[in-house]
C-alpha atoms as a PDB file:
ATOM      1  CA  UNK A   1      27.985  -8.675  20.247  1.00  0.00           C
ATOM      2  CA  UNK A   2      25.381  -7.980  17.575  1.00  0.00           C
ATOM      3  CA  UNK A   3      26.666  -8.341  14.024  1.00  0.00           C
ATOM      4  CA  UNK A   4      25.578  -6.597  10.851  1.00  0.00           C
ATOM      5  CA  UNK A   5      24.758 -10.035   9.394  1.00  0.00           C
ATOM      6  CA  UNK A   6      22.329 -10.889  12.184  1.00  0.00           C
ATOM      7  CA  UNK A   7      20.657  -7.463  12.093  1.00  0.00           C
ATOM      8  CA  UNK A   8      20.166  -7.680   8.342  1.00  0.00           C
ATOM      9  CA  UNK A   9      18.892 -11.283   8.514  1.00  0.00           C
ATOM     10  CA  UNK A  10      16.342 -10.205  11.128  1.00  0.00           C
ATOM     11  CA  UNK A  11      15.269  -7.308   8.887  1.00  0.00           C
ATOM     12  CA  UNK A  12      14.699  -9.689   5.969  1.00  0.00           C
ATOM     13  CA  UNK A  13      12.464 -11.839   8.186  1.00  0.00           C
ATOM     14  CA  UNK A  14      10.454  -8.792   9.294  1.00  0.00           C
ATOM     15  CA  UNK A  15      10.045  -7.598   5.713  1.00  0.00           C
ATOM     16  CA  UNK A  16       8.411 -10.768   4.392  1.00  0.00           C
ATOM     17  CA  UNK A  17       5.249  -9.697   2.611  1.00  0.00           C
ATOM     18  CA  UNK A  18       6.309  -6.031   2.318  1.00  0.00           C
ATOM     19  CA  UNK A  19       6.443  -4.475  -1.166  1.00  0.00           C
ATOM     20  CA  UNK A  20       9.650  -4.815  -3.180  1.00  0.00           C
ATOM     21  CA  UNK A  21      11.078  -2.660  -5.960  1.00  0.00           C
ATOM     22  CA  UNK A  22      12.828  -3.721  -9.157  1.00  0.00           C
ATOM     23  CA  UNK A  23      16.554  -4.193  -9.609  1.00  0.00           C
ATOM     24  CA  UNK A  24      17.731  -3.358 -13.097  1.00  0.00           C
ATOM     25  CA  UNK A  25      20.900  -3.591 -15.151  1.00  0.00           C
ATOM     26  CA  UNK A  26      21.670  -1.662 -18.281  1.00  0.00           C
ATOM     27  CA  UNK A  27      22.052  -3.740 -21.419  1.00  0.00           C
ATOM     28  CA  UNK A  28      23.173  -2.603 -24.843  1.00  0.00           C
ATOM     29  CA  UNK A  29      22.650  -4.513 -28.058  1.00  0.00           C
ATOM     30  CA  UNK A  30      22.863  -3.698 -31.706  1.00  0.00           C
ATOM     31  CA  UNK A  31      19.350  -5.045 -32.333  1.00  0.00           C
ATOM     32  CA  UNK A  32      17.404  -3.972 -29.244  1.00  0.00           C
ATOM     33  CA  UNK A  33      19.288  -0.793 -28.372  1.00  0.00           C
ATOM     34  CA  UNK A  34      19.997   0.427 -24.858  1.00  0.00           C
ATOM     35  CA  UNK A  35      17.583  -0.703 -22.196  1.00  0.00           C
ATOM     36  CA  UNK A  36      17.366  -1.486 -18.479  1.00  0.00           C
ATOM     37  CA  UNK A  37      16.270  -5.058 -17.789  1.00  0.00           C
ATOM     38  CA  UNK A  38      14.929  -6.590 -14.584  1.00  0.00           C
ATOM     39  CA  UNK A  39      17.447  -8.771 -12.749  1.00  0.00           C
ATOM     40  CA  UNK A  40      15.633  -9.096  -9.446  1.00  0.00           C
ATOM     41  CA  UNK A  41      13.805  -7.231  -6.734  1.00  0.00           C
ATOM     42  CA  UNK A  42      14.628  -5.906  -3.307  1.00  0.00           C
ATOM     43  CA  UNK A  43      13.245  -4.093  -0.323  1.00  0.00           C
ATOM     44  CA  UNK A  44      14.336  -0.446  -0.448  1.00  0.00           C
ATOM     45  CA  UNK A  45      15.567   0.768   2.943  1.00  0.00           C
ATOM     46  CA  UNK A  46      17.093   4.170   2.250  1.00  0.00           C
ATOM     47  CA  UNK A  47      20.739   3.652   1.282  1.00  0.00           C
ATOM     48  CA  UNK A  48      20.325  -0.139   1.429  1.00  0.00           C
ATOM     49  CA  UNK A  49      18.525  -2.649  -0.744  1.00  0.00           C
ATOM     50  CA  UNK A  50      17.831  -6.033   0.826  1.00  0.00           C
ATOM     51  CA  UNK A  51      17.180  -9.200  -1.139  1.00  0.00           C
ATOM     52  CA  UNK A  52      16.621 -12.651   0.286  1.00  0.00           C
ATOM     53  CA  UNK A  53      20.370 -13.331  -0.004  1.00  0.00           C
ATOM     54  CA  UNK A  54      22.251 -10.044  -0.479  1.00  0.00           C
ATOM     55  CA  UNK A  55      22.636  -6.525   0.818  1.00  0.00           C
ATOM     56  CA  UNK A  56      23.113  -3.882  -1.857  1.00  0.00           C
ATOM     57  CA  UNK A  57      24.039  -0.201  -1.755  1.00  0.00           C
ATOM     58  CA  UNK A  58      21.613   2.016  -3.654  1.00  0.00           C
ATOM     59  CA  UNK A  59      22.701   4.199  -6.536  1.00  0.00           C
ATOM     60  CA  UNK A  60      20.380   5.515  -9.242  1.00  0.00           C
ATOM     61  CA  UNK A  61      16.635   5.273  -8.542  1.00  0.00           C
ATOM     62  CA  UNK A  62      14.164   5.986 -11.313  1.00  0.00           C
ATOM     63  CA  UNK A  63      10.578   5.337 -12.309  1.00  0.00           C
ATOM     64  CA  UNK A  64       9.878   3.659 -15.675  1.00  0.00           C
ATOM     65  CA  UNK A  65       8.026   6.067 -17.961  1.00  0.00           C
ATOM     66  CA  UNK A  66       7.626   7.313 -21.508  1.00  0.00           C
ATOM     67  CA  UNK A  67      10.177  10.044 -22.300  1.00  0.00           C
ATOM     68  CA  UNK A  68       7.446  12.656 -22.728  1.00  0.00           C
ATOM     69  CA  UNK A  69       8.109  15.993 -24.348  1.00  0.00           C
ATOM     70  CA  UNK A  70      11.268  16.657 -26.271  1.00  0.00           C
ATOM     71  CA  UNK A  71      11.984  20.334 -25.526  1.00  0.00           C
ATOM     72  CA  UNK A  72      13.992  20.189 -22.280  1.00  0.00           C
ATOM     73  CA  UNK A  73      15.589  23.279 -20.786  1.00  0.00           C
ATOM     74  CA  UNK A  74      18.356  21.202 -19.233  1.00  0.00           C
ATOM     75  CA  UNK A  75      20.366  18.367 -20.706  1.00  0.00           C
ATOM     76  CA  UNK A  76      20.139  16.524 -17.372  1.00  0.00           C
ATOM     77  CA  UNK A  77      16.314  16.479 -17.633  1.00  0.00           C
ATOM     78  CA  UNK A  78      16.561  14.944 -21.107  1.00  0.00           C
ATOM     79  CA  UNK A  79      18.984  12.305 -19.825  1.00  0.00           C
ATOM     80  CA  UNK A  80      16.702  11.395 -16.883  1.00  0.00           C
ATOM     81  CA  UNK A  81      13.741  11.049 -19.268  1.00  0.00           C
ATOM     82  CA  UNK A  82      15.795   8.763 -21.514  1.00  0.00           C
ATOM     83  CA  UNK A  83      16.805   6.579 -18.528  1.00  0.00           C
ATOM     84  CA  UNK A  84      13.132   6.213 -17.543  1.00  0.00           C
ATOM     85  CA  UNK A  85      12.317   5.196 -21.137  1.00  0.00           C
ATOM     86  CA  UNK A  86      15.166   2.628 -21.126  1.00  0.00           C
ATOM     87  CA  UNK A  87      13.520   0.928 -18.146  1.00  0.00           C
ATOM     88  CA  UNK A  88      10.213   0.842 -19.997  1.00  0.00           C
ATOM     89  CA  UNK A  89      11.906  -0.671 -23.081  1.00  0.00           C
ATOM     90  CA  UNK A  90      13.594  -3.240 -20.845  1.00  0.00           C
ATOM     91  CA  UNK A  91      10.290  -4.647 -19.635  1.00  0.00           C
ATOM     92  CA  UNK A  92       9.410  -2.638 -16.536  1.00  0.00           C
ATOM     93  CA  UNK A  93       5.811  -1.440 -16.369  1.00  0.00           C
ATOM     94  CA  UNK A  94       4.954   2.253 -16.525  1.00  0.00           C
ATOM     95  CA  UNK A  95       5.448   3.699 -13.028  1.00  0.00           C
ATOM     96  CA  UNK A  96       7.615   0.861 -11.654  1.00  0.00           C
ATOM     97  CA  UNK A  97      10.460   1.975  -9.387  1.00  0.00           C
ATOM     98  CA  UNK A  98      13.802   0.722 -10.714  1.00  0.00           C
ATOM     99  CA  UNK A  99      17.196   0.636  -8.987  1.00  0.00           C
ATOM    100  CA  UNK A 100      20.208   0.744 -11.314  1.00  0.00           C
ATOM    101  CA  UNK A 101      23.935   0.857 -10.584  1.00  0.00           C
ATOM    102  CA  UNK A 102      23.606  -0.763  -7.156  1.00  0.00           C
ATOM    103  CA  UNK A 103      26.588  -2.584  -5.689  1.00  0.00           C
ATOM    104  CA  UNK A 104      26.863  -5.611  -3.429  1.00  0.00           C
ATOM    105  CA  UNK A 105      27.834  -4.875   0.188  1.00  0.00           C
ATOM    106  CA  UNK A 106      30.280  -7.344   1.761  1.00  0.00           C
ATOM    107  CA  UNK A 107      28.549  -7.905   5.104  1.00  0.00           C
ATOM    108  CA  UNK A 108      31.096 -10.543   6.184  1.00  0.00           C
ATOM    109  CA  UNK A 109      33.863  -7.948   5.772  1.00  0.00           C
ATOM    110  CA  UNK A 110      31.847  -5.468   7.834  1.00  0.00           C
ATOM    111  CA  UNK A 111      31.432  -8.059  10.592  1.00  0.00           C
ATOM    112  CA  UNK A 112      35.226  -8.528  10.493  1.00  0.00           C
ATOM    113  CA  UNK A 113      35.809  -4.794  10.990  1.00  0.00           C
ATOM    114  CA  UNK A 114      36.150  -3.459   7.435  1.00  0.00           C
ATOM    115  CA  UNK A 115      33.844  -1.011   5.703  1.00  0.00           C
ATOM    116  CA  UNK A 116      31.790  -1.947   2.651  1.00  0.00           C
ATOM    117  CA  UNK A 117      29.459   0.431   0.859  1.00  0.00           C
ATOM    118  CA  UNK A 118      27.550   2.456   3.458  1.00  0.00           C
ATOM    119  CA  UNK A 119      28.199  -0.090   6.255  1.00  0.00           C
ATOM    120  CA  UNK A 120      31.067  -0.151   8.765  1.00  0.00           C
ATOM    121  CA  UNK A 121      31.856  -1.056  12.341  1.00  0.00           C
ATOM    122  CA  UNK A 122      32.127   2.087  14.461  1.00  0.00           C
ATOM    123  CA  UNK A 123      33.549   1.407  17.916  1.00  0.00           C
ATOM    124  CA  UNK A 124      32.528  -2.237  17.496  1.00  0.00           C
ATOM    125  CA  UNK A 125      28.909  -1.382  16.614  1.00  0.00           C
ATOM    126  CA  UNK A 126      27.497  -2.054  13.122  1.00  0.00           C
ATOM    127  CA  UNK A 127      26.689   1.334  11.616  1.00  0.00           C
ATOM    128  CA  UNK A 128      25.372   2.822   8.389  1.00  0.00           C
ATOM    129  CA  UNK A 129      26.273   6.081   6.671  1.00  0.00           C
ATOM    130  CA  UNK A 130      22.782   7.205   5.711  1.00  0.00           C
ATOM    131  CA  UNK A 131      23.958   9.948   3.318  1.00  0.00           C
ATOM    132  CA  UNK A 132      27.226  10.792   1.606  1.00  0.00           C
ATOM    133  CA  UNK A 133      27.539  13.953   3.702  1.00  0.00           C
ATOM    134  CA  UNK A 134      26.081  12.478   6.889  1.00  0.00           C
ATOM    135  CA  UNK A 135      27.749  10.623   9.675  1.00  0.00           C
ATOM    136  CA  UNK A 136      27.242   7.061  10.805  1.00  0.00           C
ATOM    137  CA  UNK A 137      24.282   5.915  12.862  1.00  0.00           C
ATOM    138  CA  UNK A 138      23.772   2.526  14.515  1.00  0.00           C
ATOM    139  CA  UNK A 139      22.512  -0.001  11.962  1.00  0.00           C
ATOM    140  CA  UNK A 140      20.027  -1.476  14.435  1.00  0.00           C
ATOM    141  CA  UNK A 141      18.169   1.824  14.900  1.00  0.00           C
ATOM    142  CA  UNK A 142      18.342   2.602  11.192  1.00  0.00           C
ATOM    143  CA  UNK A 143      16.832  -0.763  10.239  1.00  0.00           C
ATOM    144  CA  UNK A 144      14.150  -0.533  12.933  1.00  0.00           C
ATOM    145  CA  UNK A 145      13.000   2.830  11.546  1.00  0.00           C
ATOM    146  CA  UNK A 146      13.237   1.891   7.849  1.00  0.00           C
ATOM    147  CA  UNK A 147      11.531  -1.485   8.238  1.00  0.00           C
ATOM    148  CA  UNK A 148       8.659   0.132  10.147  1.00  0.00           C
ATOM    149  CA  UNK A 149       8.269   2.794   7.446  1.00  0.00           C
ATOM    150  CA  UNK A 150       8.159   0.191   4.687  1.00  0.00           C
ATOM    151  CA  UNK A 151       5.840  -2.214   6.489  1.00  0.00           C
ATOM    152  CA  UNK A 152       3.406   0.551   7.489  1.00  0.00           C
ATOM    153  CA  UNK A 153       3.477   2.378   4.137  1.00  0.00           C
ATOM    154  CA  UNK A 154       0.051   3.092   2.654  1.00  0.00           C
ATOM    155  CA  UNK A 155      -0.987   0.890  -0.281  1.00  0.00           C
ATOM    156  CA  UNK A 156       0.212   2.242  -3.610  1.00  0.00           C
END
């Protein structure tokens, strides 16, 4: 039987040399204010982030940037601009992709039959829920497609 652990370990091996994106955490301090600092990097595979040692579930994805103009028609647009500026203040370069609010997926629990983040065993087959409204699809096929897309992506 193929396990989620073995599929993900194989994906990490295939991704060596592929571009990674930044992992950030929000920090607040009285002196430096609110910012998003780099705590690592990972390969972005849709709803999953893979590091050398962990599998993470994605959450907020943003691109570090100056806040730009101040006259927003929607409060949500102002908030997104402020989050992008927090990443810039935290040390990310302009234009860097930053993942914030991610959570660690317990792959061992998934292999044992439990669900963790977007991963679960469905009829004994490791599967991933690729969207909150979508159903599960086999993890092996999902990883094959996502790894190929990342490895064959045009240079940025």
